[in-house]
């Protein structure tokens, strides 16, 4: 997905890059979906301002935002900063589409690993990440404000093979 175009998905869903005009709606969803750990409004503005190391997406249906995701990539590591889908749209492939694009962006930015934190009490999200090949590598006890542990998960991205170096004529 290029930064300039939206990608249509089944069910009338469209993925596109988040822009500043999306922040109020995304922040309202953030407060709804993560009432204890919601990011402050300014954090979304700060994240979007760092386009050299960040990429944020929204998923829309009929012009309404139903999901969003963000990535920080500082080579060689990408970190999924956030990913969320409204409960009434779960199970329709929106989270998978968002994650697919974050992984593709990680590859474009030459990351070797993609990391994320997921709540230990969120098996649905854990299963999504496992389907993509993420493996749990650590636990952060009481990471979330309500005392729930965070599971640290990692996806190792295959390194691209080096192309053979040309040799001088007559030399092996």
N, C-alpha and C. Protein backbone atom coordinates (compact mmCIF):
# COMPACT_ATOMS: atom_id res chain seq x y z
N UNK A 1 0.86 -1.17 0.00
CA UNK A 1 0.00 0.00 0.00
C UNK A 1 0.89 1.22 0.00
N UNK A 2 0.71 2.06 -0.96
CA UNK A 2 1.48 3.28 -0.98
C UNK A 2 0.81 4.30 -0.07
N UNK A 3 1.57 5.30 0.34
CA UNK A 3 1.05 6.30 1.25
C UNK A 3 -0.07 7.11 0.61
N UNK A 4 -0.16 7.12 -0.70
CA UNK A 4 -1.12 8.00 -1.36
C UNK A 4 -2.46 7.33 -1.68
N UNK A 5 -2.54 6.01 -1.62
CA UNK A 5 -3.79 5.40 -2.05
C UNK A 5 -4.39 4.53 -0.96
N UNK A 6 -5.68 4.36 -1.06
CA UNK A 6 -6.40 3.50 -0.13
C UNK A 6 -6.52 2.11 -0.75
N UNK A 7 -6.58 1.10 0.10
CA UNK A 7 -6.70 -0.28 -0.37
C UNK A 7 -8.07 -0.81 0.04
N UNK A 8 -8.92 -1.15 -0.97
CA UNK A 8 -10.23 -1.72 -0.62
C UNK A 8 -10.09 -3.18 -0.23
N UNK A 9 -10.85 -3.59 0.76
CA UNK A 9 -10.87 -4.97 1.23
C UNK A 9 -12.30 -5.48 1.14
N UNK A 10 -12.51 -6.79 1.29
CA UNK A 10 -13.88 -7.32 1.28
C UNK A 10 -14.73 -6.66 2.37
N UNK A 11 -16.03 -6.66 2.16
CA UNK A 11 -16.95 -6.13 3.15
C UNK A 11 -17.02 -4.63 3.18
N UNK A 12 -16.51 -3.96 2.14
CA UNK A 12 -16.57 -2.51 2.09
C UNK A 12 -15.55 -1.81 2.97
N UNK A 13 -14.55 -2.55 3.45
CA UNK A 13 -13.52 -1.97 4.31
C UNK A 13 -12.42 -1.39 3.42
N UNK A 14 -11.90 -0.25 3.83
CA UNK A 14 -10.78 0.38 3.14
C UNK A 14 -9.69 0.67 4.17
N UNK A 15 -8.45 0.34 3.81
CA UNK A 15 -7.29 0.72 4.61
C UNK A 15 -6.62 1.90 3.96
N UNK A 16 -6.22 2.85 4.80
CA UNK A 16 -5.47 4.00 4.28
C UNK A 16 -4.61 4.56 5.39
N UNK A 17 -3.68 5.42 5.01
CA UNK A 17 -2.83 6.05 6.00
C UNK A 17 -3.65 7.01 6.86
N UNK A 18 -3.36 7.02 8.13
CA UNK A 18 -4.00 7.94 9.06
C UNK A 18 -3.45 9.34 8.80
N UNK A 19 -4.31 10.34 8.92
CA UNK A 19 -3.83 11.72 8.86
C UNK A 19 -4.38 12.47 10.07
N UNK A 20 -3.94 13.70 10.24
CA UNK A 20 -4.30 14.48 11.43
C UNK A 20 -5.81 14.64 11.59
N UNK A 21 -6.53 14.69 10.48
CA UNK A 21 -7.99 14.85 10.56
C UNK A 21 -8.66 13.62 11.17
N UNK A 22 -7.98 12.47 11.15
CA UNK A 22 -8.53 11.23 11.73
C UNK A 22 -8.36 11.15 13.24
N UNK A 23 -7.47 11.95 13.80
CA UNK A 23 -7.10 11.79 15.20
C UNK A 23 -8.28 11.91 16.17
N UNK A 24 -9.19 12.86 16.03
CA UNK A 24 -10.31 12.89 16.99
C UNK A 24 -11.13 11.59 17.00
N UNK A 25 -11.43 11.05 15.82
CA UNK A 25 -12.20 9.80 15.75
C UNK A 25 -11.39 8.63 16.29
N UNK A 26 -10.11 8.57 15.97
CA UNK A 26 -9.25 7.49 16.46
C UNK A 26 -9.13 7.58 17.98
N UNK A 27 -8.97 8.79 18.49
CA UNK A 27 -8.84 8.96 19.94
C UNK A 27 -10.13 8.56 20.65
N UNK A 28 -11.28 8.87 20.06
CA UNK A 28 -12.55 8.44 20.66
C UNK A 28 -12.62 6.91 20.71
N UNK A 29 -12.18 6.25 19.64
CA UNK A 29 -12.14 4.78 19.65
C UNK A 29 -11.14 4.27 20.68
N UNK A 30 -10.00 4.92 20.77
CA UNK A 30 -8.98 4.53 21.74
C UNK A 30 -9.55 4.56 23.16
N UNK A 31 -10.26 5.62 23.49
CA UNK A 31 -10.85 5.73 24.83
C UNK A 31 -11.92 4.68 25.06
N UNK A 32 -12.66 4.35 23.99
CA UNK A 32 -13.71 3.32 24.10
C UNK A 32 -13.10 1.93 24.28
N UNK A 33 -12.07 1.63 23.49
CA UNK A 33 -11.51 0.28 23.46
C UNK A 33 -10.50 0.02 24.58
N UNK A 34 -9.82 1.05 25.02
CA UNK A 34 -8.79 0.92 26.05
C UNK A 34 -9.01 1.94 27.16
N UNK A 35 -10.13 1.86 27.85
CA UNK A 35 -10.47 2.92 28.81
C UNK A 35 -9.43 3.12 29.91
N UNK A 36 -8.74 2.08 30.31
CA UNK A 36 -7.74 2.20 31.39
C UNK A 36 -6.40 2.71 30.85
N UNK A 37 -6.03 2.28 29.65
CA UNK A 37 -4.71 2.58 29.10
C UNK A 37 -4.76 3.45 27.84
N UNK A 38 -5.81 4.21 27.64
CA UNK A 38 -5.94 5.02 26.41
C UNK A 38 -4.79 6.02 26.30
N UNK A 39 -4.29 6.14 25.08
CA UNK A 39 -3.28 7.16 24.81
C UNK A 39 -3.91 8.54 24.90
N UNK A 40 -3.17 9.53 25.36
CA UNK A 40 -3.68 10.90 25.31
C UNK A 40 -3.76 11.37 23.86
N UNK A 41 -4.64 12.28 23.59
CA UNK A 41 -4.84 12.81 22.24
C UNK A 41 -3.52 13.28 21.62
N UNK A 42 -2.72 14.01 22.38
CA UNK A 42 -1.47 14.56 21.85
C UNK A 42 -0.52 13.47 21.38
N UNK A 43 -0.59 12.30 21.98
CA UNK A 43 0.32 11.23 21.58
C UNK A 43 0.11 10.84 20.12
N UNK A 44 -1.14 10.82 19.67
CA UNK A 44 -1.40 10.51 18.25
C UNK A 44 -0.79 11.59 17.35
N UNK A 45 -0.93 12.85 17.73
CA UNK A 45 -0.32 13.93 16.95
C UNK A 45 1.20 13.76 16.91
N UNK A 46 1.79 13.46 18.08
CA UNK A 46 3.24 13.28 18.14
C UNK A 46 3.70 12.11 17.27
N UNK A 47 2.95 11.01 17.30
CA UNK A 47 3.31 9.84 16.50
C UNK A 47 3.25 10.16 15.00
N UNK A 48 2.17 10.80 14.56
CA UNK A 48 2.05 11.13 13.13
C UNK A 48 3.14 12.09 12.66
N UNK A 49 3.64 12.91 13.57
CA UNK A 49 4.68 13.88 13.22
C UNK A 49 6.03 13.23 12.96
N UNK A 50 6.16 11.94 13.26
CA UNK A 50 7.44 11.25 13.11
C UNK A 50 7.39 10.25 11.94
N UNK A 51 7.00 10.74 10.80
CA UNK A 51 6.80 9.87 9.63
C UNK A 51 8.07 9.14 9.21
N UNK A 52 9.23 9.65 9.58
CA UNK A 52 10.47 8.98 9.19
C UNK A 52 10.63 7.63 9.90
N UNK A 53 10.00 7.47 11.07
CA UNK A 53 10.11 6.21 11.80
C UNK A 53 8.75 5.60 12.14
N UNK A 54 7.66 6.22 11.71
CA UNK A 54 6.32 5.75 12.08
C UNK A 54 5.45 5.56 10.84
N UNK A 55 4.45 4.68 11.00
CA UNK A 55 3.41 4.50 9.98
C UNK A 55 2.12 4.15 10.71
N UNK A 56 1.07 4.92 10.48
CA UNK A 56 -0.23 4.70 11.11
C UNK A 56 -1.28 4.55 10.04
N UNK A 57 -2.20 3.63 10.25
CA UNK A 57 -3.26 3.30 9.30
C UNK A 57 -4.61 3.38 9.98
N UNK A 58 -5.64 3.61 9.18
CA UNK A 58 -7.01 3.46 9.65
C UNK A 58 -7.73 2.50 8.71
N UNK A 59 -8.71 1.80 9.28
CA UNK A 59 -9.63 0.96 8.50
C UNK A 59 -10.98 1.64 8.58
N UNK A 60 -11.61 1.82 7.42
CA UNK A 60 -12.89 2.51 7.34
C UNK A 60 -13.95 1.64 6.69
N UNK A 61 -15.17 1.83 7.13
CA UNK A 61 -16.34 1.28 6.44
C UNK A 61 -17.30 2.45 6.26
N UNK A 62 -17.67 2.71 5.01
CA UNK A 62 -18.59 3.80 4.69
C UNK A 62 -18.16 5.11 5.33
N UNK A 63 -16.85 5.39 5.32
CA UNK A 63 -16.33 6.64 5.85
C UNK A 63 -16.16 6.70 7.35
N UNK A 64 -16.56 5.65 8.06
CA UNK A 64 -16.38 5.63 9.52
C UNK A 64 -15.20 4.75 9.90
N UNK A 65 -14.38 5.22 10.81
CA UNK A 65 -13.20 4.47 11.22
C UNK A 65 -13.61 3.35 12.17
N UNK A 66 -13.22 2.12 11.80
CA UNK A 66 -13.55 0.93 12.61
C UNK A 66 -12.31 0.22 13.14
N UNK A 67 -11.14 0.73 12.78
CA UNK A 67 -9.91 0.14 13.26
C UNK A 67 -8.74 1.06 12.94
N UNK A 68 -7.64 0.82 13.64
CA UNK A 68 -6.44 1.60 13.39
C UNK A 68 -5.24 0.80 13.88
N UNK A 69 -4.07 1.18 13.39
CA UNK A 69 -2.85 0.49 13.78
C UNK A 69 -1.68 1.43 13.55
N UNK A 70 -0.61 1.19 14.31
CA UNK A 70 0.59 2.01 14.16
C UNK A 70 1.84 1.21 14.38
N UNK A 71 2.89 1.65 13.73
CA UNK A 71 4.18 0.97 13.74
C UNK A 71 5.29 1.99 13.93
N UNK A 72 6.29 1.63 14.72
CA UNK A 72 7.53 2.37 14.80
C UNK A 72 8.61 1.45 14.27
N UNK A 73 9.43 1.97 13.39
CA UNK A 73 10.52 1.15 12.85
C UNK A 73 11.81 1.94 12.91
N UNK A 74 12.74 1.42 13.70
CA UNK A 74 14.09 1.94 13.74
C UNK A 74 14.97 0.72 13.48
N UNK A 75 15.48 0.66 12.25
CA UNK A 75 16.20 -0.52 11.79
C UNK A 75 17.22 -0.97 12.83
N UNK A 76 17.24 -2.25 13.18
CA UNK A 76 16.63 -3.40 12.51
C UNK A 76 15.33 -3.89 13.16
N UNK A 77 14.67 -3.06 13.99
CA UNK A 77 13.49 -3.55 14.71
C UNK A 77 12.29 -2.68 14.43
N UNK A 78 11.15 -3.33 14.18
CA UNK A 78 9.85 -2.66 14.12
C UNK A 78 9.10 -3.02 15.38
N UNK A 79 8.27 -2.09 15.83
CA UNK A 79 7.47 -2.31 17.02
C UNK A 79 6.04 -1.89 16.71
N UNK A 80 5.12 -2.83 16.83
CA UNK A 80 3.70 -2.49 16.66
C UNK A 80 3.30 -1.68 17.88
N UNK A 81 3.00 -0.42 17.66
CA UNK A 81 2.66 0.50 18.74
C UNK A 81 1.22 0.30 19.22
N UNK A 82 0.33 0.03 18.27
CA UNK A 82 -1.08 -0.14 18.59
C UNK A 82 -1.77 -0.83 17.42
N UNK A 83 -2.80 -1.56 17.76
CA UNK A 83 -3.68 -2.15 16.74
C UNK A 83 -5.01 -2.40 17.43
N UNK A 84 -6.07 -1.95 16.79
CA UNK A 84 -7.39 -2.06 17.41
C UNK A 84 -8.48 -2.12 16.35
N UNK A 85 -9.51 -2.89 16.66
CA UNK A 85 -10.69 -2.99 15.80
C UNK A 85 -11.91 -2.94 16.72
N UNK A 86 -12.93 -2.19 16.32
CA UNK A 86 -14.14 -2.11 17.15
C UNK A 86 -14.75 -3.51 17.28
N UNK A 87 -15.28 -3.84 18.46
CA UNK A 87 -15.78 -5.21 18.69
C UNK A 87 -16.82 -5.67 17.68
N UNK A 88 -17.68 -4.77 17.23
CA UNK A 88 -18.72 -5.19 16.28
C UNK A 88 -18.18 -5.53 14.89
N UNK A 89 -16.90 -5.25 14.64
CA UNK A 89 -16.27 -5.59 13.36
C UNK A 89 -15.19 -6.68 13.51
N UNK A 90 -15.02 -7.21 14.72
CA UNK A 90 -14.03 -8.26 14.92
C UNK A 90 -14.42 -9.52 14.14
N UNK A 91 -13.42 -10.28 13.74
CA UNK A 91 -13.66 -11.53 13.04
C UNK A 91 -13.92 -11.36 11.56
N UNK A 92 -13.74 -10.15 11.04
CA UNK A 92 -14.00 -9.88 9.61
C UNK A 92 -12.72 -9.65 8.82
N UNK A 93 -11.58 -9.90 9.45
CA UNK A 93 -10.31 -9.77 8.74
C UNK A 93 -9.68 -8.39 8.79
N UNK A 94 -10.27 -7.46 9.53
CA UNK A 94 -9.72 -6.11 9.59
C UNK A 94 -8.40 -6.09 10.35
N UNK A 95 -8.35 -6.75 11.50
CA UNK A 95 -7.10 -6.83 12.25
C UNK A 95 -6.01 -7.50 11.45
N UNK A 96 -6.36 -8.57 10.73
CA UNK A 96 -5.38 -9.25 9.88
C UNK A 96 -4.86 -8.34 8.78
N UNK A 97 -5.76 -7.57 8.17
CA UNK A 97 -5.34 -6.64 7.11
C UNK A 97 -4.42 -5.56 7.65
N UNK A 98 -4.76 -5.02 8.81
CA UNK A 98 -3.89 -4.01 9.43
C UNK A 98 -2.52 -4.59 9.75
N UNK A 99 -2.50 -5.77 10.35
CA UNK A 99 -1.23 -6.40 10.71
C UNK A 99 -0.42 -6.76 9.48
N UNK A 100 -1.08 -7.24 8.44
CA UNK A 100 -0.38 -7.56 7.18
C UNK A 100 0.34 -6.34 6.65
N UNK A 101 -0.33 -5.20 6.69
CA UNK A 101 0.29 -3.97 6.18
C UNK A 101 1.44 -3.50 7.08
N UNK A 102 1.30 -3.67 8.40
CA UNK A 102 2.40 -3.28 9.28
C UNK A 102 3.62 -4.16 9.05
N UNK A 103 3.40 -5.44 8.82
CA UNK A 103 4.52 -6.35 8.54
C UNK A 103 5.16 -5.99 7.20
N UNK A 104 4.34 -5.68 6.19
CA UNK A 104 4.88 -5.29 4.89
C UNK A 104 5.71 -4.00 5.03
N UNK A 105 5.21 -3.07 5.82
CA UNK A 105 5.96 -1.82 6.05
C UNK A 105 7.28 -2.13 6.76
N UNK A 106 7.26 -3.05 7.69
CA UNK A 106 8.50 -3.45 8.38
C UNK A 106 9.51 -3.98 7.39
N UNK A 107 9.05 -4.79 6.45
CA UNK A 107 9.96 -5.33 5.42
C UNK A 107 10.50 -4.20 4.55
N UNK A 108 9.62 -3.26 4.14
CA UNK A 108 10.07 -2.13 3.31
C UNK A 108 11.14 -1.32 4.03
N UNK A 109 11.04 -1.29 5.35
CA UNK A 109 12.00 -0.51 6.15
C UNK A 109 13.17 -1.37 6.63
N UNK A 110 13.28 -2.57 6.09
CA UNK A 110 14.41 -3.48 6.33
C UNK A 110 14.52 -3.95 7.78
N UNK A 111 13.41 -4.09 8.45
CA UNK A 111 13.43 -4.62 9.82
C UNK A 111 13.74 -6.11 9.77
N UNK A 112 14.40 -6.59 10.80
CA UNK A 112 14.67 -8.02 10.94
C UNK A 112 13.67 -8.68 11.88
N UNK A 113 13.14 -7.90 12.81
CA UNK A 113 12.18 -8.40 13.78
C UNK A 113 11.03 -7.40 13.92
N UNK A 114 9.85 -7.94 14.18
CA UNK A 114 8.68 -7.12 14.53
C UNK A 114 8.29 -7.54 15.95
N UNK A 115 8.23 -6.58 16.85
CA UNK A 115 7.88 -6.83 18.23
C UNK A 115 6.53 -6.22 18.55
N UNK A 116 5.87 -6.75 19.57
CA UNK A 116 4.65 -6.16 20.07
C UNK A 116 4.39 -6.63 21.49
N UNK A 117 3.57 -5.87 22.20
CA UNK A 117 3.06 -6.28 23.50
C UNK A 117 1.58 -6.57 23.35
N UNK A 118 1.13 -7.61 24.01
CA UNK A 118 -0.30 -7.95 24.01
C UNK A 118 -0.69 -8.32 25.42
N UNK A 119 -1.89 -7.94 25.79
CA UNK A 119 -2.37 -8.27 27.13
C UNK A 119 -2.45 -9.78 27.30
N UNK A 120 -2.00 -10.25 28.47
CA UNK A 120 -2.05 -11.68 28.77
C UNK A 120 -3.49 -12.19 28.82
N UNK A 121 -4.45 -11.30 29.05
CA UNK A 121 -5.86 -11.71 29.12
C UNK A 121 -6.62 -11.46 27.81
N UNK A 122 -5.87 -11.38 26.69
CA UNK A 122 -6.50 -11.17 25.38
C UNK A 122 -6.13 -12.31 24.43
N UNK A 123 -6.75 -13.50 24.63
CA UNK A 123 -6.37 -14.64 23.80
C UNK A 123 -6.70 -14.45 22.32
N UNK A 124 -7.74 -13.69 22.01
CA UNK A 124 -8.10 -13.47 20.60
C UNK A 124 -6.95 -12.77 19.86
N UNK A 125 -6.40 -11.73 20.46
CA UNK A 125 -5.28 -11.03 19.83
C UNK A 125 -4.05 -11.93 19.77
N UNK A 126 -3.79 -12.67 20.84
CA UNK A 126 -2.64 -13.58 20.84
C UNK A 126 -2.74 -14.59 19.70
N UNK A 127 -3.94 -15.12 19.47
CA UNK A 127 -4.13 -16.09 18.38
C UNK A 127 -3.89 -15.45 17.03
N UNK A 128 -4.33 -14.21 16.85
CA UNK A 128 -4.07 -13.50 15.60
C UNK A 128 -2.56 -13.42 15.37
N UNK A 129 -1.84 -12.98 16.37
CA UNK A 129 -0.40 -12.81 16.21
C UNK A 129 0.29 -14.15 15.96
N UNK A 130 -0.15 -15.20 16.63
CA UNK A 130 0.44 -16.52 16.42
C UNK A 130 0.19 -17.01 15.00
N UNK A 131 -0.98 -16.72 14.45
CA UNK A 131 -1.27 -17.11 13.05
C UNK A 131 -0.29 -16.46 12.09
N UNK A 132 0.22 -15.29 12.44
CA UNK A 132 1.18 -14.59 11.59
C UNK A 132 2.62 -15.01 11.88
N UNK A 133 2.81 -15.92 12.84
CA UNK A 133 4.15 -16.42 13.14
C UNK A 133 4.84 -15.77 14.32
N UNK A 134 4.14 -14.89 15.05
CA UNK A 134 4.72 -14.29 16.24
C UNK A 134 4.86 -15.35 17.33
N UNK A 135 5.93 -15.25 18.09
CA UNK A 135 6.17 -16.15 19.22
C UNK A 135 6.40 -15.32 20.46
N UNK A 136 5.90 -15.81 21.58
CA UNK A 136 6.11 -15.13 22.85
C UNK A 136 7.57 -15.27 23.25
N UNK A 137 8.20 -14.15 23.62
CA UNK A 137 9.61 -14.20 24.03
C UNK A 137 9.84 -13.71 25.45
N UNK A 138 8.83 -13.06 26.03
CA UNK A 138 9.03 -12.50 27.37
C UNK A 138 7.67 -12.11 27.96
N UNK A 139 7.65 -11.89 29.27
CA UNK A 139 6.47 -11.38 29.96
C UNK A 139 6.88 -10.14 30.74
N UNK A 140 6.11 -9.09 30.63
CA UNK A 140 6.31 -7.91 31.46
C UNK A 140 5.22 -7.93 32.53
N UNK A 141 5.58 -8.30 33.75
CA UNK A 141 4.56 -8.39 34.80
C UNK A 141 3.92 -7.03 35.09
N UNK A 142 2.61 -7.06 35.26
CA UNK A 142 1.83 -5.89 35.64
C UNK A 142 2.12 -4.68 34.76
N UNK A 143 2.28 -4.88 33.49
CA UNK A 143 2.62 -3.83 32.53
C UNK A 143 1.50 -2.82 32.37
N UNK A 144 0.27 -3.31 32.33
CA UNK A 144 -0.87 -2.43 32.12
C UNK A 144 -1.34 -1.83 33.44
N UNK A 145 -1.97 -0.68 33.38
CA UNK A 145 -2.39 0.05 34.58
C UNK A 145 -3.28 -0.76 35.51
N UNK A 146 -4.04 -1.69 34.95
CA UNK A 146 -4.92 -2.50 35.79
C UNK A 146 -4.21 -3.75 36.33
N UNK A 147 -2.90 -3.84 36.13
CA UNK A 147 -2.11 -4.93 36.70
C UNK A 147 -1.95 -6.15 35.83
N UNK A 148 -2.53 -6.16 34.64
CA UNK A 148 -2.41 -7.31 33.74
C UNK A 148 -1.01 -7.34 33.13
N UNK A 149 -0.47 -8.53 32.99
CA UNK A 149 0.84 -8.72 32.36
C UNK A 149 0.76 -8.45 30.86
N UNK A 150 1.89 -8.05 30.29
CA UNK A 150 2.04 -7.94 28.84
C UNK A 150 2.91 -9.10 28.37
N UNK A 151 2.47 -9.76 27.32
CA UNK A 151 3.29 -10.77 26.67
C UNK A 151 4.04 -10.06 25.54
N UNK A 152 5.34 -10.23 25.51
CA UNK A 152 6.15 -9.66 24.43
C UNK A 152 6.25 -10.74 23.37
N UNK A 153 5.87 -10.38 22.15
CA UNK A 153 5.90 -11.34 21.05
C UNK A 153 6.80 -10.80 19.94
N UNK A 154 7.41 -11.74 19.21
CA UNK A 154 8.33 -11.36 18.14
C UNK A 154 8.05 -12.18 16.88
N UNK A 155 8.12 -11.50 15.77
CA UNK A 155 8.10 -12.14 14.46
C UNK A 155 9.45 -11.86 13.82
N UNK A 156 10.19 -12.93 13.51
CA UNK A 156 11.46 -12.76 12.82
C UNK A 156 11.19 -12.74 11.33
N UNK A 157 11.64 -11.70 10.68
CA UNK A 157 11.46 -11.57 9.23
C UNK A 157 12.64 -12.20 8.52
N UNK A 158 12.36 -12.96 7.48
CA UNK A 158 13.48 -13.59 6.75
C UNK A 158 14.35 -12.52 6.11
N UNK A 159 15.62 -12.74 6.22
CA UNK A 159 16.55 -11.81 5.56
C UNK A 159 16.54 -12.08 4.07
N UNK A 160 16.66 -11.02 3.31
CA UNK A 160 16.70 -11.20 1.86
C UNK A 160 18.07 -11.74 1.48
N UNK A 161 18.06 -12.73 0.58
CA UNK A 161 19.36 -13.30 0.19
C UNK A 161 20.22 -12.26 -0.53
N UNK A 162 21.51 -12.34 -0.29
CA UNK A 162 22.43 -11.45 -0.99
C UNK A 162 22.56 -11.91 -2.43
N UNK A 163 22.65 -10.95 -3.35
CA UNK A 163 22.87 -11.35 -4.74
C UNK A 163 24.33 -11.71 -4.93
N UNK A 164 24.58 -12.66 -5.81
CA UNK A 164 25.97 -13.03 -6.05
C UNK A 164 26.76 -11.83 -6.58
N UNK A 165 27.97 -11.70 -6.12
CA UNK A 165 28.83 -10.60 -6.56
C UNK A 165 29.45 -10.96 -7.89
N UNK A 166 29.49 -10.00 -8.80
CA UNK A 166 30.13 -10.31 -10.10
C UNK A 166 31.63 -10.57 -9.89
N UNK A 167 32.14 -11.45 -10.69
CA UNK A 167 33.58 -11.76 -10.61
C UNK A 167 34.26 -11.26 -11.86
N UNK A 168 35.55 -11.06 -11.75
CA UNK A 168 36.31 -10.65 -12.93
C UNK A 168 36.33 -11.81 -13.91
N UNK A 169 36.39 -11.48 -15.20
CA UNK A 169 36.41 -12.51 -16.22
C UNK A 169 37.60 -13.45 -16.00
N UNK A 170 37.35 -14.72 -16.09
CA UNK A 170 38.40 -15.71 -15.95
C UNK A 170 38.70 -16.10 -14.52
N UNK A 171 38.08 -15.45 -13.52
CA UNK A 171 38.31 -15.80 -12.12
C UNK A 171 37.06 -16.42 -11.54
N UNK A 172 37.24 -17.40 -10.69
CA UNK A 172 36.07 -18.03 -10.08
C UNK A 172 35.40 -17.12 -9.06
